[in-house]
Amino acid sequence: MESRGGGGLFTVKSAYKSLERTFVLERNLSVLENGVFQSMWKNMAPLKVVAFSWKLLLDRIPTRSNLAKRNIIPTDNPTVCVFCDGTEETTTNLFLHCHVVRAIWVIIMRWLGFVLVTPQ
């Protein structure tokens, strides 16, 4: 999709590159992280999976912790994980460290024939 306006050429790619530069400068990404973001959109996964992964890596998933930070839920509301009921519900807890979620990942990885190692 292209349109001319103000003497320049607009493309979706140019808008994406502009946003990408903003995020890279804002987040001070390492070389490895920058490479992940560069290649993320160039794979065979369905677009909704890629978009979800992008939100996950940017910590934009609506966890209780993120909702409280954005004043969407009251700050006096508990932000503990709905599964393990003791740890704060953050993106990393909800997708990696919660004992219930970890058990699910182990089952999925075993089914796929992979060994799962999660960072602390």
Protein backbone atom coordinates (compact mmCIF):
# COMPACT_ATOMS: atom_id res chain seq x y z
CA MET A 1 0.00 0.00 0.00
CA GLU A 2 1.56 3.27 -1.08
CA SER A 3 0.34 6.84 -1.15
CA ARG A 4 2.01 10.10 -1.96
CA GLY A 5 1.58 13.01 0.38
CA GLY A 6 3.75 15.97 1.29
CA GLY A 7 6.29 15.13 -1.40
CA GLY A 8 7.31 11.81 0.18
CA LEU A 9 6.45 8.22 -0.44
CA PHE A 10 4.57 6.34 2.29
CA THR A 11 4.73 2.59 2.50
CA VAL A 12 3.68 0.23 5.25
CA LYS A 13 7.29 -0.94 5.35
CA SER A 14 8.58 2.61 5.94
CA ALA A 15 6.07 3.10 8.76
CA TYR A 16 7.11 -0.21 10.32
CA LYS A 17 10.81 0.71 10.05
CA SER A 18 10.11 4.04 11.73
CA LEU A 19 8.26 2.35 14.60
CA GLU A 20 10.94 -0.30 14.84
CA ARG A 21 13.67 2.36 15.24
CA THR A 22 11.62 3.98 18.00
CA PHE A 23 11.23 0.70 19.89
CA VAL A 24 14.89 -0.24 19.46
CA LEU A 25 16.05 3.13 20.77
CA GLU A 26 13.48 3.13 23.56
CA ARG A 27 14.22 -0.35 24.86
CA ASN A 28 18.03 -0.46 24.35
CA LEU A 29 17.91 -3.94 22.83
CA SER A 30 20.93 -6.20 22.74
CA VAL A 31 22.23 -7.45 19.40
CA LEU A 32 20.51 -10.80 20.01
CA GLU A 33 17.17 -9.18 20.93
CA ASN A 34 17.37 -6.88 17.93
CA GLY A 35 17.99 -9.91 15.68
CA VAL A 36 14.93 -11.66 17.13
CA PHE A 37 12.73 -8.64 16.42
CA GLN A 38 14.20 -8.28 12.91
CA SER A 39 13.49 -11.88 11.97
CA MET A 40 10.24 -12.33 13.85
CA TRP A 41 8.01 -11.08 11.05
CA LYS A 42 9.81 -13.13 8.37
CA ASN A 43 8.77 -16.63 9.41
CA MET A 44 6.08 -19.09 8.37
CA ALA A 45 3.98 -18.86 11.56
CA PRO A 46 0.45 -17.51 11.29
CA LEU A 47 0.32 -13.72 11.65
CA LYS A 48 -1.73 -13.90 14.86
CA VAL A 49 0.97 -16.10 16.44
CA VAL A 50 3.70 -13.69 15.36
CA ALA A 51 1.73 -10.68 16.66
CA PHE A 52 1.14 -12.43 19.98
CA SER A 53 4.85 -13.31 20.22
CA TRP A 54 5.75 -9.68 19.53
CA LYS A 55 3.43 -8.52 22.32
CA LEU A 56 4.83 -11.20 24.61
CA LEU A 57 8.45 -10.14 24.02
CA LEU A 58 7.56 -6.47 24.57
CA ASP A 59 5.73 -7.38 27.81
CA ARG A 60 2.43 -6.03 26.46
CA ILE A 61 0.32 -9.03 27.54
CA PRO A 62 -2.55 -7.95 29.83
CA THR A 63 -1.31 -9.71 32.96
CA ARG A 64 -2.59 -8.56 36.35
CA SER A 65 0.71 -6.81 36.98
CA ASN A 66 0.56 -4.91 33.66
CA LEU A 67 -3.11 -4.03 34.17
CA ALA A 68 -2.33 -2.62 37.62
CA LYS A 69 0.61 -0.58 36.22
CA ARG A 70 -1.74 0.96 33.64
CA ASN A 71 -4.43 1.65 36.29
CA ILE A 72 -6.90 -0.61 34.49
CA ILE A 73 -7.53 -2.62 37.64
CA PRO A 74 -7.39 -1.00 41.08
CA THR A 75 -3.96 -1.09 42.70
CA ASP A 76 -5.50 -2.61 45.83
CA ASN A 77 -6.61 -5.62 43.74
CA PRO A 78 -4.36 -8.65 44.20
CA THR A 79 -1.93 -9.13 41.32
CA VAL A 80 -1.03 -12.71 42.21
CA CYS A 81 -1.09 -15.44 39.57
CA VAL A 82 -4.48 -17.09 39.10
CA PHE A 83 -2.81 -20.51 38.86
CA CYS A 84 -0.17 -20.60 41.59
CA ASP A 85 -1.79 -17.98 43.87
CA GLY A 86 1.40 -16.78 45.48
CA THR A 87 3.60 -15.15 42.86
CA GLU A 88 2.88 -11.89 41.09
CA GLU A 89 1.23 -12.47 37.71
CA THR A 90 3.83 -11.12 35.29
CA THR A 91 4.45 -12.16 31.71
CA THR A 92 7.44 -14.33 32.61
CA ASN A 93 5.61 -15.95 35.51
CA LEU A 94 2.49 -16.61 33.46
CA PHE A 95 4.35 -18.12 30.49
CA LEU A 96 7.45 -19.68 32.09
CA HIS A 97 7.71 -19.91 35.86
CA CYS A 98 4.24 -20.70 37.21
CA HIS A 99 4.28 -24.35 38.31
CA VAL A 100 0.94 -25.06 36.58
CA VAL A 101 2.07 -23.50 33.30
CA ARG A 102 5.45 -25.22 33.54
CA ALA A 103 3.70 -28.60 33.83
CA ILE A 104 1.68 -27.80 30.71
CA TRP A 105 4.84 -26.79 28.80
CA VAL A 106 6.55 -30.04 29.84
CA ILE A 107 3.61 -32.06 28.49
CA ILE A 108 3.58 -30.11 25.21
CA MET A 109 7.35 -30.39 24.75
CA ARG A 110 7.30 -34.11 25.54
CA TRP A 111 4.53 -34.56 22.96
CA LEU A 112 6.66 -32.66 20.40
CA GLY A 113 9.79 -34.63 21.34
CA PHE A 114 11.70 -31.66 22.82
CA VAL A 115 13.42 -31.17 26.15
CA LEU A 116 12.29 -28.02 27.97
CA VAL A 117 14.79 -25.98 29.95
CA THR A 118 13.44 -22.77 31.50
CA PRO A 119 15.62 -19.96 32.83
CA GLN A 120 15.30 -18.90 36.45
